[in-house]
């Protein structure tokens, strides 16, 4: 019997926005991120991400600074607040419908995102996707550090993380269906059996005419 796996990018795919930027705006609103020009720097770095040029280590060294002295439990509670207020309202209706349909059909789903895992896992739990992989950050003295643990789920790293996850499962999946918007996910698009490009960025749209690739317009 066929057993497909549906894999999703998160930002600008399931969510109509980037959760990292939403989170950073939330930290400013809460008075936790107080560095001068914090949001301007975030916008600059995210622009390089859109172009497929971001250095993820540099971004995390910048974006994790406001959390350096906060206990992980405090951060996790803030994440839940941010999700409730700002992220859940931005879930694409088409994403919600698809998740509900896949759940009814007992089809497994997995999020793989280049956002930090403590955000990705919390978002996944709230929208009904129990399996989620993000960039794991080392915990030091009870706080999330800016140091990456293991392989970051970014570009080719998403394929590596997916393969590790698949190897840990007790059953075999007959096909991988992958949803994304970003040129950074080209390696996983090419790895998957089926790719669905959700409002794809210009660079991804330009190469979308491939077998088993489909462009979706979600709003």
N, C-alpha and C. Protein backbone atom coordinates (compact mmCIF):
# COMPACT_ATOMS: atom_id res chain seq x y z
N UNK A 1 0.84 -1.21 0.00
CA UNK A 1 0.00 0.00 0.00
C UNK A 1 0.88 1.25 0.00
N UNK A 2 0.57 2.24 -0.85
CA UNK A 2 1.37 3.48 -0.88
C UNK A 2 1.33 4.19 0.47
N UNK A 3 2.48 4.74 0.86
CA UNK A 3 2.55 5.50 2.10
C UNK A 3 3.33 6.79 1.83
N UNK A 4 2.63 7.85 1.42
CA UNK A 4 3.32 9.10 1.13
C UNK A 4 3.68 9.86 2.40
N UNK A 5 4.68 10.71 2.30
CA UNK A 5 5.04 11.65 3.36
C UNK A 5 4.93 13.05 2.77
N UNK A 6 4.22 13.92 3.48
CA UNK A 6 4.09 15.31 3.04
C UNK A 6 5.01 16.18 3.91
N UNK A 7 5.92 16.87 3.25
CA UNK A 7 6.93 17.69 3.92
C UNK A 7 6.69 19.16 3.55
N UNK A 8 6.75 20.03 4.54
CA UNK A 8 6.45 21.44 4.32
C UNK A 8 7.58 22.34 4.82
N UNK A 9 7.96 23.30 3.99
CA UNK A 9 8.64 24.48 4.49
C UNK A 9 7.59 25.24 5.31
N UNK A 10 8.02 26.12 6.19
CA UNK A 10 7.05 26.83 7.04
C UNK A 10 6.82 28.26 6.58
N UNK A 11 7.86 29.07 6.57
CA UNK A 11 7.72 30.50 6.32
C UNK A 11 7.37 30.78 4.87
N UNK A 12 6.33 31.58 4.67
CA UNK A 12 5.84 31.95 3.34
C UNK A 12 5.36 30.74 2.54
N UNK A 13 5.15 29.62 3.23
CA UNK A 13 4.59 28.42 2.60
C UNK A 13 3.31 28.03 3.34
N UNK A 14 3.44 27.61 4.58
CA UNK A 14 2.26 27.39 5.41
C UNK A 14 1.76 28.69 6.01
N UNK A 15 2.71 29.58 6.32
CA UNK A 15 2.42 30.86 6.96
C UNK A 15 2.60 31.99 5.95
N UNK A 16 1.67 32.90 5.89
CA UNK A 16 1.77 34.04 5.00
C UNK A 16 2.66 35.11 5.64
N UNK A 17 3.93 34.78 5.74
CA UNK A 17 4.91 35.65 6.38
C UNK A 17 6.08 34.82 6.87
N UNK A 18 7.09 35.48 7.36
CA UNK A 18 8.27 34.79 7.86
C UNK A 18 8.25 34.81 9.39
N UNK A 19 8.21 33.62 9.98
CA UNK A 19 8.06 33.52 11.44
C UNK A 19 9.25 34.11 12.19
N UNK A 20 10.45 34.03 11.62
CA UNK A 20 11.61 34.61 12.28
C UNK A 20 11.46 36.12 12.39
N UNK A 21 11.02 36.76 11.31
CA UNK A 21 10.83 38.21 11.34
C UNK A 21 9.68 38.59 12.26
N UNK A 22 8.59 37.81 12.22
CA UNK A 22 7.47 38.07 13.11
C UNK A 22 7.92 37.96 14.57
N UNK A 23 8.71 36.94 14.87
CA UNK A 23 9.24 36.73 16.22
C UNK A 23 10.13 37.89 16.63
N UNK A 24 10.99 38.34 15.74
CA UNK A 24 11.87 39.45 16.08
C UNK A 24 11.09 40.74 16.32
N UNK A 25 10.04 40.97 15.53
CA UNK A 25 9.19 42.13 15.77
C UNK A 25 8.50 42.04 17.13
N UNK A 26 8.09 40.83 17.48
CA UNK A 26 7.46 40.59 18.78
C UNK A 26 8.44 40.89 19.92
N UNK A 27 9.70 40.49 19.75
CA UNK A 27 10.71 40.75 20.78
C UNK A 27 10.95 42.24 20.97
N UNK A 28 10.89 42.99 19.90
CA UNK A 28 11.01 44.45 20.00
C UNK A 28 9.80 45.02 20.73
N UNK A 29 8.62 44.56 20.35
CA UNK A 29 7.38 45.03 20.99
C UNK A 29 7.40 44.77 22.49
N UNK A 30 7.98 43.63 22.89
CA UNK A 30 8.04 43.26 24.30
C UNK A 30 9.18 43.95 25.05
N UNK A 31 9.99 44.70 24.34
CA UNK A 31 11.13 45.36 24.98
C UNK A 31 12.27 44.42 25.29
N UNK A 32 12.29 43.26 24.64
CA UNK A 32 13.36 42.28 24.87
C UNK A 32 14.52 42.50 23.91
N UNK A 33 14.21 42.79 22.67
CA UNK A 33 15.24 43.14 21.69
C UNK A 33 15.40 44.65 21.70
N UNK A 34 16.51 45.11 22.23
CA UNK A 34 16.71 46.55 22.41
C UNK A 34 17.89 47.10 21.62
N UNK A 35 18.55 46.24 20.82
CA UNK A 35 19.69 46.73 20.05
C UNK A 35 19.22 47.79 19.05
N UNK A 36 20.07 48.78 18.83
CA UNK A 36 19.75 49.82 17.86
C UNK A 36 19.61 49.20 16.47
N UNK A 37 18.59 49.63 15.75
CA UNK A 37 18.36 49.19 14.36
C UNK A 37 18.19 47.68 14.24
N UNK A 38 17.64 47.05 15.28
CA UNK A 38 17.49 45.59 15.27
C UNK A 38 16.62 45.12 14.10
N UNK A 39 15.48 45.75 13.93
CA UNK A 39 14.58 45.32 12.86
C UNK A 39 15.13 45.66 11.47
N UNK A 40 15.85 46.77 11.37
CA UNK A 40 16.47 47.11 10.09
C UNK A 40 17.53 46.08 9.71
N UNK A 41 18.30 45.65 10.69
CA UNK A 41 19.29 44.60 10.42
C UNK A 41 18.61 43.30 10.04
N UNK A 42 17.50 43.00 10.71
CA UNK A 42 16.76 41.78 10.37
C UNK A 42 16.27 41.83 8.93
N UNK A 43 15.72 42.96 8.52
CA UNK A 43 15.22 43.10 7.16
C UNK A 43 16.34 42.96 6.14
N UNK A 44 17.50 43.52 6.46
CA UNK A 44 18.64 43.41 5.56
C UNK A 44 19.09 41.96 5.40
N UNK A 45 19.17 41.25 6.51
CA UNK A 45 19.60 39.85 6.45
C UNK A 45 18.56 38.98 5.77
N UNK A 46 17.27 39.25 6.01
CA UNK A 46 16.23 38.46 5.36
C UNK A 46 16.20 38.72 3.85
N UNK A 47 16.59 39.90 3.43
CA UNK A 47 16.68 40.16 1.99
C UNK A 47 17.75 39.28 1.36
N UNK A 48 18.84 39.07 2.08
CA UNK A 48 19.89 38.18 1.55
C UNK A 48 19.40 36.74 1.52
N UNK A 49 18.52 36.37 2.46
CA UNK A 49 17.92 35.03 2.45
C UNK A 49 17.08 34.86 1.19
N UNK A 50 16.27 35.86 0.87
CA UNK A 50 15.40 35.80 -0.30
C UNK A 50 16.21 35.62 -1.58
N UNK A 51 17.42 36.15 -1.57
CA UNK A 51 18.30 36.03 -2.74
C UNK A 51 19.10 34.74 -2.73
N UNK A 52 18.94 33.93 -1.67
CA UNK A 52 19.70 32.68 -1.57
C UNK A 52 21.14 32.90 -1.17
N UNK A 53 21.41 34.01 -0.46
CA UNK A 53 22.79 34.36 -0.14
C UNK A 53 23.06 34.48 1.37
N UNK A 54 22.09 34.14 2.19
CA UNK A 54 22.27 34.34 3.63
C UNK A 54 23.29 33.37 4.21
N UNK A 55 24.15 33.89 5.09
CA UNK A 55 25.01 33.05 5.92
C UNK A 55 24.24 32.80 7.21
N UNK A 56 23.76 31.56 7.38
CA UNK A 56 22.86 31.27 8.49
C UNK A 56 23.55 31.46 9.84
N UNK A 57 24.83 31.12 9.94
CA UNK A 57 25.53 31.31 11.21
C UNK A 57 25.54 32.78 11.61
N UNK A 58 25.78 33.66 10.63
CA UNK A 58 25.79 35.09 10.92
C UNK A 58 24.41 35.57 11.36
N UNK A 59 23.37 35.08 10.69
CA UNK A 59 22.02 35.50 11.05
C UNK A 59 21.68 35.09 12.48
N UNK A 60 22.03 33.87 12.86
CA UNK A 60 21.68 33.39 14.20
C UNK A 60 22.50 34.10 15.27
N UNK A 61 23.74 34.43 14.99
CA UNK A 61 24.53 35.19 15.95
C UNK A 61 23.89 36.54 16.23
N UNK A 62 23.28 37.11 15.19
CA UNK A 62 22.57 38.38 15.36
C UNK A 62 21.24 38.19 16.07
N UNK A 63 20.42 37.26 15.57
CA UNK A 63 19.03 37.18 16.02
C UNK A 63 18.85 36.57 17.40
N UNK A 64 19.82 35.78 17.87
CA UNK A 64 19.69 35.13 19.17
C UNK A 64 20.17 36.00 20.33
N UNK A 65 20.79 37.12 20.04
CA UNK A 65 21.35 37.98 21.10
C UNK A 65 20.30 38.37 22.15
N UNK A 66 19.07 38.76 21.75
CA UNK A 66 18.11 39.19 22.79
C UNK A 66 17.72 38.08 23.77
N UNK A 67 17.96 36.83 23.41
CA UNK A 67 17.54 35.71 24.25
C UNK A 67 18.65 35.19 25.14
N UNK A 68 19.82 35.80 25.08
CA UNK A 68 21.02 35.24 25.72
C UNK A 68 20.87 35.00 27.21
N UNK A 69 20.09 35.83 27.89
CA UNK A 69 19.98 35.70 29.35
C UNK A 69 18.60 35.24 29.81
N UNK A 70 17.76 34.83 28.86
CA UNK A 70 16.41 34.38 29.22
C UNK A 70 16.38 32.86 29.35
N UNK A 71 15.82 32.34 30.43
CA UNK A 71 15.67 30.88 30.55
C UNK A 71 14.84 30.33 29.39
N UNK A 72 15.15 29.10 28.99
CA UNK A 72 14.42 28.51 27.87
C UNK A 72 12.91 28.46 28.15
N UNK A 73 12.52 28.25 29.39
CA UNK A 73 11.09 28.20 29.71
C UNK A 73 10.42 29.53 29.45
N UNK A 74 11.13 30.62 29.73
CA UNK A 74 10.59 31.96 29.46
C UNK A 74 10.45 32.18 27.96
N UNK A 75 11.48 31.80 27.22
CA UNK A 75 11.44 31.95 25.76
C UNK A 75 10.30 31.13 25.17
N UNK A 76 10.14 29.89 25.63
CA UNK A 76 9.09 29.03 25.10
C UNK A 76 7.70 29.61 25.36
N UNK A 77 7.52 30.23 26.52
CA UNK A 77 6.23 30.86 26.82
C UNK A 77 5.99 32.07 25.92
N UNK A 78 7.04 32.83 25.65
CA UNK A 78 6.93 33.96 24.74
C UNK A 78 6.60 33.50 23.33
N UNK A 79 7.21 32.40 22.91
CA UNK A 79 6.93 31.85 21.59
C UNK A 79 5.45 31.52 21.46
N UNK A 80 4.89 30.88 22.46
CA UNK A 80 3.47 30.52 22.42
C UNK A 80 2.60 31.78 22.32
N UNK A 81 2.97 32.82 23.05
CA UNK A 81 2.22 34.09 22.97
C UNK A 81 2.31 34.69 21.58
N UNK A 82 3.51 34.69 21.01
CA UNK A 82 3.72 35.23 19.67
C UNK A 82 2.92 34.46 18.64
N UNK A 83 2.92 33.14 18.75
CA UNK A 83 2.17 32.31 17.80
C UNK A 83 0.69 32.63 17.86
N UNK A 84 0.15 32.69 19.09
CA UNK A 84 -1.28 32.96 19.25
C UNK A 84 -1.67 34.32 18.66
N UNK A 85 -0.85 35.33 18.94
CA UNK A 85 -1.22 36.68 18.54
C UNK A 85 -0.94 36.97 17.07
N UNK A 86 0.19 36.49 16.56
CA UNK A 86 0.66 36.99 15.27
C UNK A 86 0.87 35.94 14.18
N UNK A 87 1.06 34.69 14.55
CA UNK A 87 1.39 33.67 13.53
C UNK A 87 0.15 32.88 13.11
N UNK A 88 -0.63 32.40 14.05
CA UNK A 88 -1.81 31.62 13.68
C UNK A 88 -2.75 32.39 12.75
N UNK A 89 -2.95 33.70 12.93
CA UNK A 89 -3.83 34.42 12.00
C UNK A 89 -3.27 34.48 10.57
N UNK A 90 -1.99 34.15 10.40
CA UNK A 90 -1.36 34.23 9.09
C UNK A 90 -1.25 32.86 8.39
N UNK A 91 -1.80 31.82 8.98
CA UNK A 91 -1.77 30.52 8.30
C UNK A 91 -2.64 30.61 7.05
N UNK A 92 -2.10 30.19 5.91
CA UNK A 92 -2.88 30.19 4.69
C UNK A 92 -4.10 29.29 4.85
N UNK A 93 -5.30 29.74 4.46
CA UNK A 93 -6.48 28.87 4.52
C UNK A 93 -6.28 27.57 3.75
N UNK A 94 -5.59 27.65 2.61
CA UNK A 94 -5.34 26.43 1.83
C UNK A 94 -4.45 25.46 2.59
N UNK A 95 -3.52 26.00 3.39
CA UNK A 95 -2.67 25.14 4.21
C UNK A 95 -3.49 24.44 5.29
N UNK A 96 -4.38 25.19 5.94
CA UNK A 96 -5.23 24.60 6.97
C UNK A 96 -6.10 23.49 6.40
N UNK A 97 -6.66 23.73 5.22
CA UNK A 97 -7.52 22.73 4.58
C UNK A 97 -6.73 21.48 4.22
N UNK A 98 -5.52 21.67 3.68
CA UNK A 98 -4.68 20.54 3.30
C UNK A 98 -4.28 19.73 4.52
N UNK A 99 -3.87 20.40 5.58
CA UNK A 99 -3.48 19.70 6.81
C UNK A 99 -4.65 18.87 7.34
N UNK A 100 -5.84 19.47 7.34
CA UNK A 100 -7.02 18.75 7.82
C UNK A 100 -7.32 17.53 6.95
N UNK A 101 -7.19 17.69 5.65
CA UNK A 101 -7.44 16.57 4.73
C UNK A 101 -6.44 15.43 4.94
N UNK A 102 -5.16 15.79 5.08
CA UNK A 102 -4.13 14.77 5.28
C UNK A 102 -4.33 14.05 6.62
N UNK A 103 -4.76 14.79 7.64
CA UNK A 103 -5.03 14.16 8.93
C UNK A 103 -6.19 13.17 8.83
N UNK A 104 -7.23 13.54 8.08
CA UNK A 104 -8.36 12.64 7.91
C UNK A 104 -7.93 11.35 7.20
N UNK A 105 -6.96 11.47 6.30
CA UNK A 105 -6.50 10.31 5.53
C UNK A 105 -5.33 9.59 6.20
N UNK A 106 -4.97 10.05 7.41
CA UNK A 106 -3.90 9.43 8.21
C UNK A 106 -2.57 9.42 7.45
N UNK A 107 -2.29 10.53 6.76
CA UNK A 107 -1.04 10.69 6.03
C UNK A 107 -0.07 11.50 6.90
N UNK A 108 1.15 11.02 7.02
CA UNK A 108 2.14 11.67 7.87
C UNK A 108 2.62 12.98 7.26
N UNK A 109 2.87 13.95 8.15
CA UNK A 109 3.35 15.27 7.73
C UNK A 109 4.56 15.68 8.56
N UNK A 110 5.43 16.48 7.95
CA UNK A 110 6.65 16.93 8.60
C UNK A 110 6.96 18.35 8.12
N UNK A 111 7.27 19.23 9.06
CA UNK A 111 7.79 20.56 8.70
C UNK A 111 9.31 20.51 8.78
N UNK A 112 9.97 21.06 7.76
CA UNK A 112 11.42 21.28 7.83
C UNK A 112 11.65 22.75 7.49
N UNK A 113 12.17 23.48 8.45
CA UNK A 113 12.30 24.93 8.29
C UNK A 113 13.69 25.40 8.72
N UNK A 114 14.11 26.51 8.12
CA UNK A 114 15.38 27.12 8.51
C UNK A 114 15.20 28.09 9.67
N UNK A 115 14.02 28.10 10.26
CA UNK A 115 13.79 28.86 11.50
C UNK A 115 14.24 27.99 12.68
N UNK A 116 14.56 28.61 13.81
CA UNK A 116 15.03 27.86 14.97
C UNK A 116 13.97 26.87 15.43
N UNK A 117 14.41 25.72 15.93
CA UNK A 117 13.50 24.62 16.20
C UNK A 117 12.48 24.93 17.30
N UNK A 118 12.84 25.77 18.29
CA UNK A 118 11.87 26.04 19.36
C UNK A 118 10.68 26.84 18.84
N UNK A 119 10.83 27.51 17.73
CA UNK A 119 9.69 28.17 17.08
C UNK A 119 8.98 27.19 16.15
N UNK A 120 9.74 26.46 15.35
CA UNK A 120 9.15 25.54 14.36
C UNK A 120 8.29 24.47 15.04
N UNK A 121 8.83 23.87 16.09
CA UNK A 121 8.09 22.81 16.78
C UNK A 121 6.80 23.35 17.39
N UNK A 122 6.86 24.55 17.95
CA UNK A 122 5.67 25.14 18.57
C UNK A 122 4.62 25.47 17.52
N UNK A 123 5.04 26.02 16.38
CA UNK A 123 4.09 26.31 15.30
C UNK A 123 3.48 25.01 14.78
N UNK A 124 4.31 24.00 14.54
CA UNK A 124 3.81 22.74 14.04
C UNK A 124 2.75 22.15 14.95
N UNK A 125 3.02 22.17 16.24
CA UNK A 125 2.07 21.64 17.21
C UNK A 125 0.74 22.36 17.15
N UNK A 126 0.79 23.68 16.98
CA UNK A 126 -0.43 24.49 17.00
C UNK A 126 -1.26 24.33 15.72
N UNK A 127 -0.62 24.04 14.61
CA UNK A 127 -1.36 23.93 13.34
C UNK A 127 -1.66 22.49 12.96
N UNK A 128 -1.25 21.54 13.80
CA UNK A 128 -1.62 20.16 13.57
C UNK A 128 -0.61 19.30 12.85
N UNK A 129 0.65 19.72 12.85
CA UNK A 129 1.72 18.90 12.26
C UNK A 129 2.68 18.52 13.39
N UNK A 130 2.59 17.29 13.88
CA UNK A 130 3.35 16.92 15.08
C UNK A 130 4.84 16.72 14.86
N UNK A 131 5.25 16.47 13.62
CA UNK A 131 6.67 16.25 13.34
C UNK A 131 7.26 17.53 12.75
N UNK A 132 8.31 18.05 13.37
CA UNK A 132 8.87 19.32 12.92
C UNK A 132 10.37 19.36 13.17
N UNK A 133 11.10 19.85 12.18
CA UNK A 133 12.55 20.00 12.28
C UNK A 133 12.91 21.45 11.98
N UNK A 134 13.68 22.06 12.86
CA UNK A 134 14.21 23.39 12.63
C UNK A 134 15.69 23.39 12.95
N UNK A 135 16.27 24.55 13.02
CA UNK A 135 17.69 24.65 13.37
C UNK A 135 17.80 24.57 14.89
N UNK A 136 18.48 23.54 15.35
CA UNK A 136 18.63 23.32 16.79
C UNK A 136 19.75 24.20 17.34
N UNK A 137 19.45 24.89 18.42
CA UNK A 137 20.43 25.74 19.08
C UNK A 137 20.90 25.09 20.37
N UNK A 138 22.19 25.16 20.62
CA UNK A 138 22.72 24.60 21.86
C UNK A 138 22.20 25.37 23.05
N UNK A 139 21.90 24.64 24.11
CA UNK A 139 21.45 25.26 25.36
C UNK A 139 22.62 25.33 26.32
N UNK A 140 22.89 26.53 26.81
CA UNK A 140 23.99 26.75 27.74
C UNK A 140 23.48 27.52 28.96
N UNK A 141 23.75 26.98 30.13
CA UNK A 141 23.30 27.60 31.38
C UNK A 141 21.80 27.85 31.39
N UNK A 142 21.06 26.92 30.79
CA UNK A 142 19.61 27.02 30.80
C UNK A 142 19.03 28.00 29.81
N UNK A 143 19.87 28.52 28.89
CA UNK A 143 19.41 29.50 27.91
C UNK A 143 19.77 29.03 26.50
N UNK A 144 18.95 29.44 25.52
CA UNK A 144 19.30 29.15 24.13
C UNK A 144 20.49 30.00 23.72
N UNK A 145 21.52 29.37 23.20
CA UNK A 145 22.70 30.10 22.73
C UNK A 145 22.57 30.39 21.24
N UNK A 146 23.57 31.04 20.69
CA UNK A 146 23.59 31.33 19.25
C UNK A 146 24.41 30.29 18.49
N UNK A 147 24.75 29.18 19.17
CA UNK A 147 25.57 28.14 18.55
C UNK A 147 24.67 27.01 18.05
N UNK A 148 24.85 26.63 16.80
CA UNK A 148 24.03 25.60 16.16
C UNK A 148 24.42 24.22 16.66
N UNK A 149 23.41 23.40 16.92
CA UNK A 149 23.60 22.00 17.31
C UNK A 149 23.33 21.13 16.09
N UNK A 150 24.36 20.42 15.62
CA UNK A 150 24.17 19.50 14.50
C UNK A 150 24.08 20.21 13.16
N UNK A 151 23.41 19.56 12.21
CA UNK A 151 23.29 20.09 10.86
C UNK A 151 22.12 21.07 10.80
N UNK A 152 22.36 22.30 10.35
CA UNK A 152 21.24 23.24 10.24
C UNK A 152 20.31 22.85 9.08
N UNK A 153 19.02 22.96 9.30
CA UNK A 153 18.03 22.61 8.27
C UNK A 153 17.88 23.78 7.31
N UNK A 154 18.88 23.95 6.47
CA UNK A 154 18.98 25.09 5.56
C UNK A 154 19.67 24.62 4.29
N UNK A 155 19.04 24.93 3.13
CA UNK A 155 19.58 24.50 1.84
C UNK A 155 19.80 22.99 1.83
N UNK A 156 21.02 22.53 1.49
CA UNK A 156 21.30 21.09 1.43
C UNK A 156 21.10 20.41 2.77
N UNK A 157 21.21 21.20 3.86
CA UNK A 157 21.01 20.65 5.18
C UNK A 157 19.61 20.11 5.39
N UNK A 158 18.62 20.65 4.67
CA UNK A 158 17.27 20.11 4.80
C UNK A 158 17.20 18.68 4.29
N UNK A 159 17.91 18.40 3.21
CA UNK A 159 17.93 17.03 2.67
C UNK A 159 18.61 16.10 3.67
N UNK A 160 19.72 16.55 4.25
CA UNK A 160 20.42 15.72 5.23
C UNK A 160 19.55 15.44 6.44
N UNK A 161 18.87 16.47 6.94
CA UNK A 161 18.01 16.30 8.11
C UNK A 161 16.83 15.38 7.79
N UNK A 162 16.27 15.52 6.59
CA UNK A 162 15.17 14.65 6.20
C UNK A 162 15.63 13.20 6.12
N UNK A 163 16.78 12.97 5.53
CA UNK A 163 17.30 11.60 5.44
C UNK A 163 17.54 11.00 6.82
N UNK A 164 18.07 11.80 7.74
CA UNK A 164 18.27 11.31 9.11
C UNK A 164 16.93 10.97 9.75
N UNK A 165 15.92 11.82 9.53
CA UNK A 165 14.60 11.59 10.10
C UNK A 165 13.99 10.32 9.52
N UNK A 166 14.10 10.17 8.21
CA UNK A 166 13.55 8.97 7.56
C UNK A 166 14.22 7.70 8.08
N UNK A 167 15.53 7.77 8.29
CA UNK A 167 16.26 6.59 8.77
C UNK A 167 15.82 6.17 10.16
N UNK A 168 15.29 7.12 10.92
CA UNK A 168 14.86 6.83 12.29
C UNK A 168 13.43 6.30 12.37
N UNK A 169 12.70 6.30 11.24
CA UNK A 169 11.32 5.84 11.25
C UNK A 169 11.24 4.32 11.11
N UNK A 170 10.18 3.76 11.65
CA UNK A 170 10.01 2.30 11.63
C UNK A 170 9.43 1.80 10.32
N UNK A 171 8.90 2.71 9.51
CA UNK A 171 8.28 2.29 8.27
C UNK A 171 8.89 3.04 7.09
N UNK A 172 8.60 2.57 5.88
CA UNK A 172 9.15 3.14 4.66
C UNK A 172 8.08 3.96 3.95
N UNK A 173 8.45 5.16 3.52
CA UNK A 173 7.55 6.00 2.75
C UNK A 173 7.78 5.76 1.26
N UNK A 174 6.68 5.65 0.51
CA UNK A 174 6.79 5.36 -0.91
C UNK A 174 7.02 6.61 -1.75
N UNK A 175 6.72 7.79 -1.21
CA UNK A 175 6.94 9.03 -1.96
C UNK A 175 7.03 10.20 -1.00
N UNK A 176 7.76 11.22 -1.41
CA UNK A 176 7.90 12.45 -0.64
C UNK A 176 7.29 13.59 -1.45
N UNK A 177 6.34 14.30 -0.84
CA UNK A 177 5.70 15.46 -1.44
C UNK A 177 6.17 16.69 -0.65
N UNK A 178 6.75 17.65 -1.34
CA UNK A 178 7.37 18.79 -0.65
C UNK A 178 6.76 20.11 -1.12
N UNK A 179 6.40 20.96 -0.16
CA UNK A 179 5.82 22.28 -0.42
C UNK A 179 6.79 23.36 0.03
N UNK A 180 7.05 24.33 -0.84
CA UNK A 180 7.95 25.44 -0.48
C UNK A 180 7.70 26.63 -1.39
N UNK A 181 8.26 27.77 -0.98
CA UNK A 181 8.21 28.98 -1.79
C UNK A 181 9.59 29.43 -2.24
N UNK A 182 10.65 28.84 -1.67
CA UNK A 182 11.97 29.48 -1.68
C UNK A 182 13.01 28.77 -2.54
N UNK A 183 13.83 29.56 -3.21
CA UNK A 183 14.96 29.02 -3.97
C UNK A 183 15.96 28.32 -3.06
N UNK A 184 15.98 28.69 -1.78
CA UNK A 184 16.88 28.02 -0.85
C UNK A 184 16.54 26.54 -0.69
N UNK A 185 15.31 26.17 -1.04
CA UNK A 185 14.87 24.79 -0.91
C UNK A 185 15.00 23.99 -2.20
N UNK A 186 15.72 24.52 -3.17
CA UNK A 186 15.92 23.79 -4.42
C UNK A 186 16.47 22.38 -4.20
N UNK A 187 17.45 22.18 -3.31
CA UNK A 187 17.94 20.80 -3.11
C UNK A 187 16.83 19.83 -2.67
N UNK A 188 15.93 20.27 -1.82
CA UNK A 188 14.87 19.38 -1.35
C UNK A 188 13.79 19.23 -2.41
N UNK A 189 13.55 20.28 -3.21
CA UNK A 189 12.63 20.15 -4.34
C UNK A 189 13.12 19.06 -5.30
N UNK A 190 14.41 19.05 -5.56
CA UNK A 190 14.98 18.08 -6.49
C UNK A 190 15.04 16.68 -5.88
N UNK A 191 15.10 16.61 -4.57
CA UNK A 191 15.13 15.33 -3.87
C UNK A 191 13.75 14.70 -3.82
N UNK A 192 12.73 15.51 -3.64
CA UNK A 192 11.37 15.01 -3.46
C UNK A 192 10.84 14.37 -4.75
N UNK A 193 9.86 13.49 -4.58
CA UNK A 193 9.20 12.89 -5.75
C UNK A 193 8.24 13.88 -6.39
N UNK A 194 7.63 14.74 -5.56
CA UNK A 194 6.71 15.75 -6.05
C UNK A 194 6.99 17.06 -5.32
N UNK A 195 7.06 18.16 -6.07
CA UNK A 195 7.29 19.47 -5.46
C UNK A 195 6.13 20.40 -5.79
N UNK A 196 5.67 21.12 -4.77
CA UNK A 196 4.57 22.06 -4.93
C UNK A 196 5.09 23.43 -4.52
N UNK A 197 5.12 24.35 -5.46
CA UNK A 197 5.73 25.66 -5.24
C UNK A 197 4.63 26.65 -4.89
N UNK A 198 4.60 27.06 -3.62
CA UNK A 198 3.55 27.93 -3.11
C UNK A 198 3.98 29.38 -3.28
N UNK A 199 3.29 30.11 -4.16
CA UNK A 199 3.67 31.51 -4.43
C UNK A 199 5.19 31.62 -4.55
N UNK A 200 5.80 30.87 -5.46
CA UNK A 200 7.27 30.77 -5.47
C UNK A 200 7.96 32.09 -5.75
N UNK A 201 9.14 32.24 -5.16
CA UNK A 201 9.96 33.42 -5.42
C UNK A 201 10.36 33.41 -6.90
N UNK A 202 10.75 34.55 -7.45
CA UNK A 202 11.04 34.62 -8.89
C UNK A 202 12.07 33.59 -9.36
N UNK A 203 13.11 33.37 -8.58
CA UNK A 203 14.16 32.44 -9.01
C UNK A 203 13.65 31.00 -9.06
N UNK A 204 12.78 30.63 -8.12
CA UNK A 204 12.23 29.28 -8.13
C UNK A 204 11.19 29.14 -9.24
N UNK A 205 10.38 30.17 -9.43
CA UNK A 205 9.37 30.13 -10.49
C UNK A 205 10.03 29.97 -11.87
N UNK A 206 11.18 30.58 -12.03
CA UNK A 206 11.86 30.56 -13.34
C UNK A 206 12.30 29.16 -13.76
N UNK A 207 12.46 28.26 -12.79
CA UNK A 207 12.92 26.91 -13.12
C UNK A 207 11.85 25.87 -12.79
N UNK A 208 10.59 26.31 -12.71
CA UNK A 208 9.52 25.44 -12.21
C UNK A 208 8.98 24.47 -13.25
N UNK A 209 9.35 24.63 -14.50
CA UNK A 209 8.83 23.76 -15.55
C UNK A 209 9.57 22.42 -15.55
N UNK A 210 9.27 21.61 -14.57
CA UNK A 210 9.93 20.31 -14.42
C UNK A 210 8.87 19.24 -14.15
N UNK A 211 9.18 18.01 -14.48
CA UNK A 211 8.22 16.94 -14.19
C UNK A 211 7.91 16.86 -12.70
N UNK A 212 6.64 16.69 -12.38
CA UNK A 212 6.17 16.52 -11.00
C UNK A 212 6.35 17.75 -10.13
N UNK A 213 6.53 18.93 -10.78
CA UNK A 213 6.53 20.19 -10.05
C UNK A 213 5.27 20.94 -10.41
N UNK A 214 4.65 21.57 -9.43
CA UNK A 214 3.41 22.29 -9.64
C UNK A 214 3.44 23.61 -8.90
N UNK A 215 2.99 24.68 -9.56
CA UNK A 215 2.91 26.00 -8.92
C UNK A 215 1.51 26.17 -8.33
N UNK A 216 1.47 26.58 -7.06
CA UNK A 216 0.22 26.83 -6.35
C UNK A 216 0.15 28.31 -5.97
N UNK A 217 -1.03 28.89 -6.09
CA UNK A 217 -1.25 30.27 -5.67
C UNK A 217 -2.16 30.24 -4.44
N UNK A 218 -1.58 30.57 -3.30
CA UNK A 218 -2.33 30.58 -2.03
C UNK A 218 -2.44 32.02 -1.55
N UNK A 219 -3.57 32.33 -0.91
CA UNK A 219 -3.77 33.70 -0.40
C UNK A 219 -4.67 33.64 0.83
